[in-house]
Amino acid sequence: MKQINIGILGCGVVGTGVAKLLLEKKDLLSSRTGAFLHLKRVADPDTQRDRDVHFDEGVLVPDAEQILEDPEIDIVVELIGGKGIAKEYTIRALEKGKHVVTANKALLSAHGNEIVKVARTAQVDLAFEASTGGCMPIIKTMRESLIANNIRSMSAILNGTCNYILTRISKHGDSFEKALKTAQEKGFAEAEPSLDIDGHDSSHKLAILNSLAHGIDINLDDIHVEGISCIKPIDIRFAANFGYDIKLLAISKSHGEQVEARVHPTMIPLSNPLAHVTGVMNAVAIDADETGPTMLYGHGAGMMPTASAVVSDIADIARNLIVSAKRRVPILGYPEDNIKKADILPMKDLYTRYYIRCAAVDNPGVLSKISGILGELGISIESVHQKGKNANDAVPVVMITHEAKEENVIRAIDRISALDSIPDKPVLIRIEDNNTQE
């Protein structure tokens, strides 16, 4: 039986999980791959912390060089995170002819195009199933299972922290601040949660999925990103009254030469399966021309779900090595020469429906001024709802629009905000449902 030597860079939560699987499931992995996946070395600056996993003497070391410079190590698993030393070590490993497995979506979304070129030059594999969606096999699905399909659209819940917070607001009536605090207490949110709640974690993942779906280079810079901190319980209640729920969605749609790529809070019908993805769970709904709609659902984070995805990549590469194959499946799903430059649809050119909530001072003619501004910009109102006064004598006014152009809606919001009778900037939430053209 062929032995495949593995080195892990970083032994935090996920690194520990990967080590546990390689050591505790070694017989199962050998029986399923036909190779002995030998964990030769784990490098982490902290070699004293109790990780609830037993390493043989000499396996856990403080120096990454013992992995990068070891000619016997076949696969390097990068689980350091971030874009600094992780990038340096990843490129060095590839240049030395080692295959690399990573879960580092921040690194791939920012420097993936460069790293893919290095892997091509070195003629080695780069695998990253765990970078997006945790244990959901979304990367394999996009690269292999849907190879005969044009991907028309993707809508995804890709951040468990945001989904948990929105679930708390929806199910328990928590404020955003209270829901965030609960998420932090339960370990679902970081002490500094901005990467998650501002939408950037989801945008990193969408940049990767967009590339795989459409054969384009990884483009993070042009993805429109909004977070969830503006969402209030009143918006959740209004959404439910209209038959919707609010989720932070990562959305991609193909428009021929251009691709939509946006992350923001979104109202979706309760009939949409994504509306029932609650807590810290993730899901990706894909609409492809031959398969129609499909959906993947699972844990998007956590030690063992993420470690399971990492080990699946290790096993794929090991199977290739058994038969002396490499680069059998292109890293981004298309041969590098077929990857096109990403042309992301400017957000101002988006057409969709909108939920607009204003807190209006109860003065005569306020509603007519608001509707007049919308009408002047070609925005048709489908429905208007008013509720009783709140604590500061403002009346919540909620409008649902017909399909409109984003550029005009943003201009309308700016003009409405300037009205003396509107003390706070209106809340804007985009709507995705069957009435929205794709």
Protein backbone atom coordinates (compact mmCIF):
# COMPACT_ATOMS: atom_id res chain seq x y z
CA MET A 1 0.00 0.00 0.00
CA LYS A 2 1.39 3.37 -1.04
CA GLN A 3 2.16 5.79 1.79
CA ILE A 4 1.21 9.45 1.32
CA ASN A 5 3.02 11.77 3.70
CA ILE A 6 1.10 14.77 5.00
CA GLY A 7 2.20 17.91 6.81
CA ILE A 8 -0.22 20.30 8.52
CA LEU A 9 0.63 23.98 8.93
CA GLY A 10 -1.38 25.33 11.86
CA CYS A 11 -2.94 23.26 14.61
CA GLY A 12 -5.80 25.40 15.81
CA VAL A 13 -9.40 24.22 15.86
CA VAL A 14 -9.57 22.89 12.29
CA GLY A 15 -5.97 21.68 12.23
CA THR A 16 -6.63 19.65 15.36
CA GLY A 17 -9.75 18.20 13.76
CA VAL A 18 -7.84 17.17 10.64
CA ALA A 19 -5.13 15.54 12.76
CA LYS A 20 -7.78 13.64 14.75
CA LEU A 21 -9.38 12.30 11.58
CA LEU A 22 -6.08 11.25 10.02
CA LEU A 23 -5.04 9.46 13.19
CA GLU A 24 -8.33 8.06 14.48
CA LYS A 25 -9.83 7.16 11.08
CA LYS A 26 -6.61 5.89 9.49
CA ASP A 27 -7.98 2.39 8.86
CA LEU A 28 -11.18 3.68 7.29
CA LEU A 29 -9.25 6.14 5.15
CA SER A 30 -6.83 3.45 4.01
CA SER A 31 -9.65 1.11 3.09
CA ARG A 32 -11.42 3.80 1.09
CA THR A 33 -8.42 5.35 -0.67
CA GLY A 34 -6.12 2.36 -1.06
CA ALA A 35 -3.27 4.41 0.45
CA PHE A 36 -1.86 4.99 3.93
CA LEU A 37 -2.38 8.66 4.75
CA HIS A 38 0.54 9.22 7.08
CA LEU A 39 0.52 12.36 9.22
CA LYS A 40 4.25 12.95 9.30
CA ARG A 41 4.43 16.43 10.74
CA VAL A 42 2.26 19.16 12.29
CA ALA A 43 3.74 22.64 12.68
CA ASP A 44 2.38 25.15 15.18
CA PRO A 45 4.19 27.70 17.37
CA ASP A 46 2.31 26.41 20.42
CA THR A 47 3.38 22.81 21.01
CA GLN A 48 2.31 22.70 24.68
CA ARG A 49 -1.45 23.29 24.47
CA ASP A 50 -3.67 20.31 25.23
CA ARG A 51 -5.44 19.48 21.98
CA ASP A 52 -7.09 16.20 23.00
CA VAL A 53 -5.16 14.36 20.31
CA HIS A 54 -2.09 12.16 20.76
CA PHE A 55 0.88 12.86 18.52
CA ASP A 56 3.86 10.52 18.38
CA GLU A 57 7.13 12.07 19.43
CA GLY A 58 8.52 14.46 16.83
CA VAL A 59 5.24 14.92 14.94
CA LEU A 60 4.18 18.23 16.54
CA VAL A 61 6.91 20.80 15.95
CA PRO A 62 7.11 24.60 16.23
CA ASP A 63 8.88 25.17 12.92
CA ALA A 64 7.07 25.18 9.55
CA GLU A 65 10.40 24.67 7.79
CA GLN A 66 10.33 21.02 8.87
CA ILE A 67 7.34 20.60 6.59
CA LEU A 68 8.25 22.94 3.75
CA GLU A 69 11.81 21.60 3.43
CA ASP A 70 10.99 17.92 3.88
CA PRO A 71 11.21 16.25 0.45
CA GLU A 72 9.18 13.27 1.69
CA ILE A 73 6.03 15.26 2.41
CA ASP A 74 3.61 14.95 -0.49
CA ILE A 75 0.69 17.09 0.69
CA VAL A 76 0.84 20.29 2.73
CA VAL A 77 -2.36 21.31 4.53
CA GLU A 78 -2.44 25.07 5.17
CA LEU A 79 -4.67 25.88 8.14
CA ILE A 80 -2.92 28.98 9.46
CA GLY A 81 -5.51 31.38 8.07
CA GLY A 82 -5.13 34.98 6.98
CA LYS A 83 -3.27 36.39 4.01
CA GLY A 84 0.24 36.95 5.40
CA ILE A 85 2.47 34.04 6.29
CA ALA A 86 -0.18 31.66 4.95
CA LYS A 87 0.34 33.04 1.46
CA GLU A 88 4.11 32.75 1.72
CA TYR A 89 3.98 29.15 2.96
CA THR A 90 1.36 28.13 0.39
CA ILE A 91 3.40 29.47 -2.52
CA ARG A 92 6.63 27.95 -1.17
CA ALA A 93 4.99 24.54 -0.79
CA LEU A 94 3.65 24.66 -4.35
CA GLU A 95 6.97 25.79 -5.77
CA LYS A 96 8.65 22.83 -4.08
CA GLY A 97 6.33 20.46 -5.89
CA LYS A 98 4.04 19.73 -2.96
CA HIS A 99 0.30 19.54 -3.39
CA VAL A 100 -1.60 21.94 -1.14
CA VAL A 101 -4.94 21.68 0.63
CA THR A 102 -6.33 24.81 2.29
CA ALA A 103 -9.49 26.05 3.99
CA ASN A 104 -8.40 29.68 3.64
CA LYS A 105 -11.13 31.60 1.82
CA ALA A 106 -9.59 34.99 2.67
CA LEU A 107 -6.32 33.96 1.01
CA LEU A 108 -7.98 32.46 -2.06
CA SER A 109 -10.40 35.33 -2.61
CA ALA A 110 -7.59 37.89 -2.42
CA HIS A 111 -4.68 36.03 -4.04
CA GLY A 112 -6.24 32.94 -5.61
CA ASN A 113 -5.44 33.89 -9.20
CA GLU A 114 -1.75 34.29 -8.36
CA ILE A 115 -1.66 31.05 -6.37
CA VAL A 116 -3.37 29.12 -9.17
CA LYS A 117 -0.66 30.33 -11.58
CA VAL A 118 2.05 29.10 -9.20
CA ALA A 119 0.38 25.70 -8.97
CA ARG A 120 0.16 25.53 -12.75
CA THR A 121 3.85 26.33 -13.18
CA ALA A 122 4.81 23.73 -10.57
CA GLN A 123 2.32 21.21 -12.04
CA VAL A 124 0.77 20.38 -8.66
CA ASP A 125 -2.74 20.39 -7.24
CA LEU A 126 -4.44 22.97 -5.05
CA ALA A 127 -7.64 21.89 -3.28
CA PHE A 128 -9.97 23.98 -1.12
CA GLU A 129 -13.28 22.23 -0.45
CA ALA A 130 -13.36 23.50 3.15
CA SER A 131 -12.95 27.13 2.12
CA THR A 132 -16.61 27.55 1.25
CA GLY A 133 -19.60 26.03 3.00
CA GLY A 134 -17.78 23.87 5.54
CA CYS A 135 -18.76 20.24 5.04
CA MET A 136 -21.03 20.89 2.05
CA PRO A 137 -19.34 19.47 -1.08
CA ILE A 138 -20.02 22.63 -3.06
CA ILE A 139 -16.55 22.91 -4.63
CA LYS A 140 -16.67 19.34 -5.95
CA THR A 141 -20.23 19.93 -7.12
CA MET A 142 -19.24 23.00 -9.12
CA ARG A 143 -16.00 21.56 -10.51
CA GLU A 144 -17.24 18.08 -11.37
CA SER A 145 -20.90 17.19 -10.80
CA LEU A 146 -22.35 20.09 -12.80
CA ILE A 147 -19.74 20.06 -15.59
CA ALA A 148 -22.39 19.73 -18.33
CA ASN A 149 -24.41 22.67 -17.03
CA ASN A 150 -24.46 26.39 -17.46
CA ILE A 151 -25.02 27.84 -14.01
CA ARG A 152 -27.83 30.35 -14.28
CA SER A 153 -27.88 31.48 -10.66
CA MET A 154 -26.75 30.75 -7.13
CA SER A 155 -28.24 31.99 -3.88
CA ALA A 156 -26.40 31.00 -0.72
CA ILE A 157 -26.37 31.36 3.03
CA LEU A 158 -22.65 31.17 3.65
CA ASN A 159 -22.15 32.65 7.12
CA GLY A 160 -23.48 30.82 10.16
CA THR A 161 -22.94 33.79 12.47
CA CYS A 162 -25.24 36.04 10.45
CA ASN A 163 -27.79 33.30 9.97
CA TYR A 164 -27.84 32.62 13.72
CA ILE A 165 -28.32 36.33 14.50
CA LEU A 166 -31.16 36.71 11.99
CA THR A 167 -32.77 33.54 13.36
CA ARG A 168 -32.64 34.97 16.89
CA ILE A 169 -34.24 38.21 15.70
CA SER A 170 -36.92 36.28 13.79
CA LYS A 171 -37.73 33.55 16.31
CA HIS A 172 -37.14 35.35 19.61
CA GLY A 173 -37.67 39.01 18.77
CA ASP A 174 -34.12 39.89 19.88
CA SER A 175 -32.56 43.16 18.86
CA PHE A 176 -29.51 42.88 16.65
CA GLU A 177 -27.28 43.77 19.61
CA LYS A 178 -28.83 41.13 21.87
CA ALA A 179 -28.68 38.46 19.16
CA LEU A 180 -25.02 39.24 18.51
CA LYS A 181 -24.20 39.01 22.22
CA THR A 182 -25.93 35.62 22.44
CA ALA A 183 -24.00 34.41 19.40
CA GLN A 184 -20.75 35.48 21.04
CA GLU A 185 -21.65 33.78 24.32
CA LYS A 186 -22.35 30.53 22.49
CA GLY A 187 -19.13 30.75 20.49
CA PHE A 188 -20.91 31.32 17.16
CA ALA A 189 -19.47 34.82 16.75
CA GLU A 190 -16.00 36.23 17.28
CA ALA A 191 -15.29 38.87 19.91
CA GLU A 192 -14.59 41.16 16.94
CA PRO A 193 -17.38 40.04 14.58
CA SER A 194 -17.16 42.61 11.78
CA LEU A 195 -15.81 40.19 9.15
CA ASP A 196 -18.98 38.14 9.54
CA ILE A 197 -21.71 40.68 10.25
CA ASP A 198 -20.49 43.16 7.64
CA GLY A 199 -20.82 40.48 4.94
CA HIS A 200 -17.16 40.17 3.98
CA ASP A 201 -16.79 36.50 4.96
CA SER A 202 -19.67 35.68 2.61
CA SER A 203 -18.15 37.79 -0.16
CA HIS A 204 -14.86 35.86 0.09
CA LYS A 205 -16.76 32.64 -0.46
CA LEU A 206 -18.89 34.07 -3.26
CA ALA A 207 -15.75 35.19 -5.12
CA ILE A 208 -14.56 31.58 -5.14
CA LEU A 209 -17.91 30.10 -6.15
CA ASN A 210 -18.39 32.69 -8.90
CA SER A 211 -15.11 31.64 -10.48
CA LEU A 212 -16.04 27.95 -10.42
CA ALA A 213 -19.57 28.55 -11.69
CA HIS A 214 -18.78 30.82 -14.61
CA GLY A 215 -15.19 30.11 -15.65
CA ILE A 216 -13.97 33.55 -14.60
CA ASP A 217 -11.01 34.67 -12.56
CA ILE A 218 -11.50 35.28 -8.85
CA ASN A 219 -12.77 38.82 -8.41
CA LEU A 220 -13.44 39.99 -4.86
CA ASP A 221 -13.11 43.72 -5.43
CA ASP A 222 -16.22 44.13 -7.59
CA ILE A 223 -18.62 42.20 -5.33
CA HIS A 224 -21.20 44.47 -3.70
CA VAL A 225 -21.25 43.84 0.07
CA GLU A 226 -23.66 44.88 2.81
CA GLY A 227 -24.00 43.50 6.32
CA ILE A 228 -26.92 42.81 8.63
CA SER A 229 -26.49 45.41 11.37
CA CYS A 230 -29.28 47.57 9.90
CA ILE A 231 -31.90 44.79 10.27
CA LYS A 232 -34.41 45.44 13.06
CA PRO A 233 -37.12 43.20 14.53
CA ILE A 234 -39.72 45.44 12.87
CA ASP A 235 -38.29 44.52 9.45
CA ILE A 236 -38.49 40.82 10.28
CA ARG A 237 -42.12 41.28 11.36
CA PHE A 238 -43.07 43.21 8.25
CA ALA A 239 -41.34 40.60 6.09
CA ALA A 240 -43.31 37.80 7.77
CA ASN A 241 -46.56 39.72 7.21
CA PHE A 242 -45.74 39.85 3.51
CA GLY A 243 -44.85 36.13 3.42
CA TYR A 244 -41.08 36.61 3.47
CA ASP A 245 -38.06 35.99 5.67
CA ILE A 246 -34.82 37.96 5.69
CA LYS A 247 -31.48 36.22 5.10
CA LEU A 248 -27.97 37.41 4.35
CA LEU A 249 -27.58 35.99 0.85
CA ALA A 250 -24.63 35.69 -1.47
CA ILE A 251 -26.16 35.96 -4.93
CA SER A 252 -24.70 35.22 -8.35
CA LYS A 253 -26.58 35.35 -11.66
CA SER A 254 -25.35 34.94 -15.19
CA HIS A 255 -26.27 37.57 -17.77
CA GLY A 256 -24.26 36.23 -20.67
CA GLU A 257 -21.01 38.18 -20.64
CA GLN A 258 -21.73 39.74 -17.24
CA VAL A 259 -22.30 38.17 -13.84
CA GLU A 260 -24.16 39.54 -10.85
CA ALA A 261 -22.20 39.17 -7.61
CA ARG A 262 -23.66 40.66 -4.46
CA VAL A 263 -23.94 40.00 -0.73
CA HIS A 264 -26.66 41.72 1.30
CA PRO A 265 -29.74 41.13 3.47
CA THR A 266 -32.47 39.78 1.22
CA MET A 267 -36.18 39.16 1.56
CA ILE A 268 -37.11 35.74 0.21
CA PRO A 269 -40.52 34.01 0.13
CA LEU A 270 -41.29 31.57 2.93
CA SER A 271 -41.83 29.00 0.18
CA ASN A 272 -38.11 29.22 -0.67
CA PRO A 273 -36.18 26.38 1.04
CA LEU A 274 -33.47 28.87 2.02
CA ALA A 275 -36.00 30.61 4.27
CA HIS A 276 -36.01 27.50 6.47
CA VAL A 277 -32.24 27.30 6.91
CA THR A 278 -31.92 28.42 10.52
CA GLY A 279 -29.29 28.78 13.24
CA VAL A 280 -25.68 28.34 12.18
CA MET A 281 -26.47 26.16 9.17
CA ASN A 282 -25.39 27.04 5.62
CA ALA A 283 -26.99 26.25 2.27
CA VAL A 284 -26.39 26.86 -1.42
CA ALA A 285 -29.22 26.81 -3.96
CA ILE A 286 -28.09 26.40 -7.57
CA ASP A 287 -30.16 26.78 -10.72
CA ALA A 288 -28.49 25.14 -13.72
CA ASP A 289 -29.81 24.77 -17.25
CA GLU A 290 -29.84 20.95 -17.35
CA THR A 291 -30.43 19.95 -13.74
CA GLY A 292 -32.77 22.74 -12.74
CA PRO A 293 -32.72 23.67 -9.04
CA THR A 294 -30.53 21.79 -6.56
CA MET A 295 -29.55 22.67 -3.00
CA LEU A 296 -26.75 21.69 -0.62
CA TYR A 297 -27.24 22.10 3.13
CA GLY A 298 -24.95 21.55 6.10
CA HIS A 299 -22.65 22.92 8.75
CA GLY A 300 -20.62 25.78 7.34
CA ALA A 301 -18.08 25.81 10.16
CA GLY A 302 -16.94 23.88 13.23
CA MET A 303 -13.99 21.64 13.95
CA MET A 304 -15.12 18.30 12.59
CA PRO A 305 -17.41 19.36 9.70
CA THR A 306 -14.62 21.55 8.31
CA ALA A 307 -11.96 18.93 9.03
CA SER A 308 -14.07 16.39 7.13
CA ALA A 309 -13.97 18.61 4.04
CA VAL A 310 -10.20 19.08 4.35
CA VAL A 311 -9.64 15.32 4.58
CA SER A 312 -11.83 14.79 1.51
CA ASP A 313 -9.37 16.94 -0.45
CA ILE A 314 -6.41 15.02 0.99
CA ALA A 315 -8.06 11.78 -0.11
CA ASP A 316 -8.70 13.06 -3.64
CA ILE A 317 -5.05 14.01 -4.07
CA ALA A 318 -3.92 10.71 -2.54
CA ARG A 319 -6.01 8.79 -5.05
CA ASN A 320 -4.34 10.73 -7.85
CA LEU A 321 -0.89 9.98 -6.45
CA ILE A 322 -1.64 6.25 -6.29
CA VAL A 323 -2.00 6.16 -10.09
CA SER A 324 0.73 8.77 -10.67
CA ALA A 325 -1.80 11.36 -11.79
CA LYS A 326 -1.94 15.05 -11.00
CA ARG A 327 -4.01 18.05 -11.99
CA ARG A 328 -6.71 15.71 -13.26
CA VAL A 329 -9.41 18.22 -12.33
CA PRO A 330 -8.62 21.89 -13.07
CA ILE A 331 -8.25 23.96 -9.90
CA LEU A 332 -10.99 26.43 -10.83
CA GLY A 333 -13.06 23.93 -12.79
CA TYR A 334 -11.79 25.13 -16.17
CA PRO A 335 -8.31 24.74 -17.70
CA GLU A 336 -6.41 27.91 -16.88
CA ASP A 337 -6.26 28.99 -20.54
CA ASN A 338 -10.08 28.98 -20.62
CA ILE A 339 -10.55 31.24 -17.59
CA LYS A 340 -11.99 34.62 -18.59
CA LYS A 341 -11.65 37.97 -16.89
CA ALA A 342 -14.57 38.50 -14.55
CA ASP A 343 -17.02 41.13 -15.78
CA ILE A 344 -19.20 41.85 -12.76
CA LEU A 345 -22.47 43.68 -13.41
CA PRO A 346 -22.26 47.12 -11.79
CA MET A 347 -24.63 47.28 -8.84
CA LYS A 348 -26.25 50.43 -10.22
CA ASP A 349 -27.52 48.38 -13.18
CA LEU A 350 -29.29 45.76 -11.05
CA TYR A 351 -33.03 45.33 -11.52
CA THR A 352 -35.01 43.81 -8.67
CA ARG A 353 -37.84 44.58 -6.22
CA TYR A 354 -37.31 46.51 -3.00
CA TYR A 355 -38.64 46.83 0.54
CA ILE A 356 -38.31 50.41 1.83
CA ARG A 357 -39.08 51.36 5.44
CA CYS A 358 -39.20 55.00 6.48
CA ALA A 359 -39.80 56.43 9.93
CA ALA A 360 -41.90 59.46 8.96
CA VAL A 361 -43.00 62.30 11.20
CA ASP A 362 -46.81 62.30 11.20
CA ASN A 363 -47.31 65.46 9.14
CA PRO A 364 -49.81 65.98 6.31
CA GLY A 365 -48.49 65.20 2.85
CA VAL A 366 -45.46 63.15 3.88
CA LEU A 367 -46.58 60.02 2.08
CA SER A 368 -47.37 61.95 -1.09
CA LYS A 369 -43.89 63.50 -1.07
CA ILE A 370 -42.30 60.06 -0.75
CA SER A 371 -44.44 58.52 -3.48
CA GLY A 372 -43.79 61.58 -5.65
CA ILE A 373 -40.03 61.10 -5.40
CA LEU A 374 -40.37 57.42 -6.30
CA GLY A 375 -42.64 58.24 -9.23
CA GLU A 376 -40.25 60.86 -10.62
CA LEU A 377 -37.51 58.20 -10.72
CA GLY A 378 -39.69 55.62 -12.42
CA ILE A 379 -40.18 53.45 -9.32
CA SER A 380 -43.63 51.90 -9.16
CA ILE A 381 -45.08 51.05 -5.74
CA GLU A 382 -46.75 47.66 -5.38
CA SER A 383 -48.05 48.20 -1.84
CA VAL A 384 -47.84 50.66 1.08
CA HIS A 385 -48.32 49.88 4.76
CA GLN A 386 -48.44 52.19 7.75
CA LYS A 387 -48.36 51.29 11.43
CA GLY A 388 -49.01 53.25 14.59
CA LYS A 389 -46.57 55.80 15.96
CA ASN A 390 -43.41 54.65 17.68
CA ALA A 391 -41.76 56.17 20.76
CA ASN A 392 -40.50 59.28 18.96
CA ASP A 393 -43.84 60.00 17.25
CA ALA A 394 -42.58 58.71 13.91
CA VAL A 395 -44.86 56.53 11.83
CA PRO A 396 -43.29 53.47 10.17
CA VAL A 397 -44.11 53.57 6.47
CA VAL A 398 -43.28 50.46 4.48
CA MET A 399 -43.37 50.23 0.71
CA ILE A 400 -42.84 47.27 -1.60
CA THR A 401 -41.84 48.29 -5.11
CA HIS A 402 -42.24 46.63 -8.44
CA GLU A 403 -39.02 45.80 -10.23
CA ALA A 404 -36.83 48.88 -10.44
CA LYS A 405 -33.30 49.89 -11.29
CA GLU A 406 -30.89 50.05 -8.34
CA GLU A 407 -29.41 53.35 -9.43
CA ASN A 408 -32.82 55.02 -9.33
CA VAL A 409 -33.74 53.44 -6.00
CA ILE A 410 -30.54 54.69 -4.35
CA ARG A 411 -31.19 58.18 -5.71
CA ALA A 412 -34.71 58.01 -4.30
CA ILE A 413 -33.45 56.93 -0.88
CA ASP A 414 -31.05 59.89 -0.82
CA ARG A 415 -33.82 62.32 -1.69
CA ILE A 416 -36.25 60.83 0.83
CA SER A 417 -33.55 61.01 3.51
CA ALA A 418 -33.24 64.75 2.88
CA LEU A 419 -36.91 65.40 3.71
CA ASP A 420 -37.44 67.24 7.00
CA SER A 421 -40.15 64.78 7.95
CA ILE A 422 -37.79 61.77 7.67
CA PRO A 423 -35.54 61.83 10.77
CA ASP A 424 -33.55 58.69 9.92
CA LYS A 425 -32.24 57.19 6.69
CA PRO A 426 -34.76 54.72 5.26
CA VAL A 427 -34.02 51.00 5.45
CA LEU A 428 -33.63 49.32 2.04
CA ILE A 429 -33.83 45.54 1.58
CA ARG A 430 -33.77 43.86 -1.82
CA ILE A 431 -36.32 41.18 -2.65
CA GLU A 432 -35.62 37.94 -4.51
CA ASP A 433 -38.66 35.95 -5.60
CA ASN A 434 -40.35 34.50 -8.65
CA ASN A 435 -41.40 37.96 -9.79
CA THR A 436 -37.78 39.04 -10.20
CA GLN A 437 -36.41 38.53 -13.69
CA GLU A 438 -33.08 36.76 -13.93
